[in-house]
Amino acid sequence: MNDLILRRKKVREITGLSPSQIDRMEQEGSFPRRRQITKRIIGWSHNEVQQWINDRLHGMGAQS
């Protein structure tokens, strides 16, 4: 299956995380890393974000 690139707004919608939570968790290594798409555009791998969500739904990687 082909992967999609998600922009920040879509990542926020599907995870329920705020921009600052995404940034903090990404820096901590507990959220997928963003990708530089163009000089001014970043995005996240849909597959990686979906896996992150699945891990939390099934109790893996959940941290307070």
N, C-alpha and C. Protein backbone atom coordinates (compact mmCIF):
# COMPACT_ATOMS: atom_id res chain seq x y z
N MET A 1 0.84 -1.19 0.00
CA MET A 1 0.00 0.00 0.00
C MET A 1 0.88 1.24 0.00
N ASN A 2 0.49 2.22 -0.77
CA ASN A 2 1.23 3.46 -0.81
C ASN A 2 1.00 4.26 0.45
N ASP A 3 2.03 4.96 0.87
CA ASP A 3 1.93 5.81 2.04
C ASP A 3 1.48 7.20 1.59
N LEU A 4 0.83 7.90 2.48
CA LEU A 4 0.41 9.28 2.24
C LEU A 4 1.17 10.19 3.17
N ILE A 5 1.27 11.45 2.79
CA ILE A 5 1.87 12.45 3.64
C ILE A 5 0.75 13.27 4.27
N LEU A 6 0.77 13.35 5.59
CA LEU A 6 -0.23 14.13 6.31
C LEU A 6 0.35 15.46 6.73
N ARG A 7 -0.40 16.52 6.50
CA ARG A 7 0.00 17.84 6.99
C ARG A 7 -0.41 17.96 8.45
N ARG A 8 0.12 18.97 9.14
CA ARG A 8 -0.09 19.14 10.57
C ARG A 8 -1.58 19.16 10.96
N LYS A 9 -2.40 19.84 10.19
CA LYS A 9 -3.82 19.94 10.52
C LYS A 9 -4.46 18.55 10.57
N LYS A 10 -4.15 17.71 9.60
CA LYS A 10 -4.72 16.36 9.56
C LYS A 10 -4.18 15.51 10.71
N VAL A 11 -2.89 15.65 11.02
CA VAL A 11 -2.31 14.92 12.15
C VAL A 11 -3.03 15.31 13.44
N ARG A 12 -3.29 16.60 13.60
CA ARG A 12 -4.02 17.07 14.79
C ARG A 12 -5.42 16.47 14.84
N GLU A 13 -6.09 16.44 13.70
CA GLU A 13 -7.46 15.91 13.65
C GLU A 13 -7.52 14.43 14.02
N ILE A 14 -6.61 13.64 13.48
CA ILE A 14 -6.71 12.20 13.71
C ILE A 14 -6.11 11.74 15.04
N THR A 15 -5.20 12.55 15.63
CA THR A 15 -4.61 12.15 16.91
C THR A 15 -5.25 12.86 18.10
N GLY A 16 -5.83 14.03 17.87
CA GLY A 16 -6.37 14.81 18.97
C GLY A 16 -5.31 15.57 19.74
N LEU A 17 -4.09 15.60 19.22
CA LEU A 17 -2.98 16.29 19.89
C LEU A 17 -2.89 17.74 19.43
N SER A 18 -2.43 18.59 20.33
CA SER A 18 -2.19 19.99 19.98
C SER A 18 -0.85 20.10 19.26
N PRO A 19 -0.62 21.21 18.56
CA PRO A 19 0.69 21.38 17.90
C PRO A 19 1.86 21.28 18.87
N SER A 20 1.72 21.85 20.06
CA SER A 20 2.82 21.79 21.02
C SER A 20 3.04 20.37 21.54
N GLN A 21 1.96 19.59 21.69
CA GLN A 21 2.11 18.20 22.10
C GLN A 21 2.83 17.39 21.02
N ILE A 22 2.45 17.61 19.78
CA ILE A 22 3.10 16.91 18.67
C ILE A 22 4.59 17.23 18.67
N ASP A 23 4.93 18.50 18.76
CA ASP A 23 6.34 18.92 18.74
C ASP A 23 7.11 18.32 19.91
N ARG A 24 6.55 18.40 21.11
CA ARG A 24 7.23 17.89 22.30
C ARG A 24 7.44 16.38 22.20
N MET A 25 6.39 15.65 21.83
CA MET A 25 6.49 14.20 21.74
C MET A 25 7.45 13.78 20.63
N GLU A 26 7.47 14.52 19.55
CA GLU A 26 8.40 14.24 18.47
C GLU A 26 9.85 14.42 18.95
N GLN A 27 10.10 15.49 19.68
CA GLN A 27 11.45 15.74 20.21
C GLN A 27 11.86 14.66 21.21
N GLU A 28 10.90 14.14 21.98
CA GLU A 28 11.17 13.08 22.95
C GLU A 28 11.37 11.73 22.28
N GLY A 29 10.98 11.63 21.02
CA GLY A 29 11.08 10.36 20.31
C GLY A 29 9.87 9.46 20.51
N SER A 30 8.79 10.00 21.04
CA SER A 30 7.59 9.19 21.29
C SER A 30 6.49 9.44 20.27
N PHE A 31 6.80 10.13 19.19
CA PHE A 31 5.86 10.38 18.10
C PHE A 31 6.66 10.34 16.80
N PRO A 32 6.05 9.89 15.72
CA PRO A 32 6.79 9.82 14.44
C PRO A 32 7.41 11.16 14.04
N ARG A 33 8.55 11.07 13.40
CA ARG A 33 9.27 12.27 12.95
C ARG A 33 8.63 12.84 11.69
N ARG A 34 8.64 14.15 11.63
CA ARG A 34 8.14 14.83 10.43
C ARG A 34 9.14 14.69 9.29
N ARG A 35 8.64 14.90 8.10
CA ARG A 35 9.48 14.85 6.90
C ARG A 35 9.45 16.21 6.23
N GLN A 36 10.57 16.64 5.70
CA GLN A 36 10.64 17.87 4.93
C GLN A 36 10.19 17.55 3.52
N ILE A 37 9.05 18.10 3.11
CA ILE A 37 8.50 17.82 1.79
C ILE A 37 9.07 18.80 0.76
N THR A 38 8.99 20.08 1.09
CA THR A 38 9.64 21.14 0.31
C THR A 38 10.32 22.05 1.32
N LYS A 39 10.90 23.11 0.84
CA LYS A 39 11.59 24.04 1.74
C LYS A 39 10.68 24.57 2.84
N ARG A 40 9.39 24.74 2.54
CA ARG A 40 8.47 25.34 3.50
C ARG A 40 7.36 24.41 3.97
N ILE A 41 7.36 23.16 3.53
CA ILE A 41 6.27 22.25 3.87
C ILE A 41 6.82 21.02 4.57
N ILE A 42 6.18 20.67 5.70
CA ILE A 42 6.51 19.44 6.41
C ILE A 42 5.28 18.54 6.43
N GLY A 43 5.51 17.28 6.67
CA GLY A 43 4.41 16.33 6.77
C GLY A 43 4.86 15.08 7.51
N TRP A 44 3.90 14.25 7.85
CA TRP A 44 4.15 13.01 8.55
C TRP A 44 3.66 11.85 7.72
N SER A 45 4.30 10.72 7.84
CA SER A 45 3.89 9.50 7.16
C SER A 45 2.56 9.03 7.76
N HIS A 46 1.56 8.84 6.91
CA HIS A 46 0.27 8.33 7.38
C HIS A 46 0.45 6.97 8.04
N ASN A 47 1.25 6.10 7.44
CA ASN A 47 1.46 4.77 8.00
C ASN A 47 2.08 4.83 9.38
N GLU A 48 3.06 5.71 9.58
CA GLU A 48 3.71 5.82 10.89
C GLU A 48 2.76 6.40 11.93
N VAL A 49 1.98 7.41 11.56
CA VAL A 49 1.03 8.00 12.50
C VAL A 49 -0.05 6.97 12.84
N GLN A 50 -0.54 6.23 11.85
CA GLN A 50 -1.56 5.20 12.11
C GLN A 50 -1.01 4.11 13.02
N GLN A 51 0.25 3.73 12.82
CA GLN A 51 0.86 2.73 13.69
C GLN A 51 0.99 3.26 15.12
N TRP A 52 1.34 4.53 15.27
CA TRP A 52 1.43 5.16 16.58
C TRP A 52 0.06 5.10 17.28
N ILE A 53 -1.01 5.40 16.54
CA ILE A 53 -2.36 5.34 17.10
C ILE A 53 -2.70 3.90 17.49
N ASN A 54 -2.44 2.95 16.59
CA ASN A 54 -2.73 1.55 16.88
C ASN A 54 -2.00 1.05 18.11
N ASP A 55 -0.75 1.45 18.27
CA ASP A 55 0.03 1.06 19.45
C ASP A 55 -0.65 1.54 20.73
N ARG A 56 -1.18 2.74 20.72
CA ARG A 56 -1.84 3.28 21.91
C ARG A 56 -3.17 2.60 22.17
N LEU A 57 -3.90 2.29 21.11
CA LEU A 57 -5.18 1.61 21.27
C LEU A 57 -5.02 0.21 21.84
N HIS A 58 -3.87 -0.40 21.59
CA HIS A 58 -3.63 -1.75 22.05
C HIS A 58 -2.67 -1.79 23.23
N GLY A 59 -2.46 -0.64 23.87
CA GLY A 59 -1.68 -0.58 25.10
C GLY A 59 -0.19 -0.60 24.95
N MET A 60 0.32 -0.49 23.74
CA MET A 60 1.76 -0.49 23.54
C MET A 60 2.27 0.93 23.46
N GLY A 61 3.31 1.25 24.18
CA GLY A 61 3.93 2.56 24.09
C GLY A 61 3.18 3.68 24.80
N ALA A 62 2.14 3.34 25.55
CA ALA A 62 1.38 4.38 26.27
C ALA A 62 2.21 4.87 27.44
N GLN A 63 2.37 6.19 27.49
CA GLN A 63 3.10 6.81 28.59
C GLN A 63 2.32 8.00 29.06
N SER A 64 2.44 8.28 30.34
CA SER A 64 1.75 9.45 30.91
C SER A 64 2.55 10.70 30.71
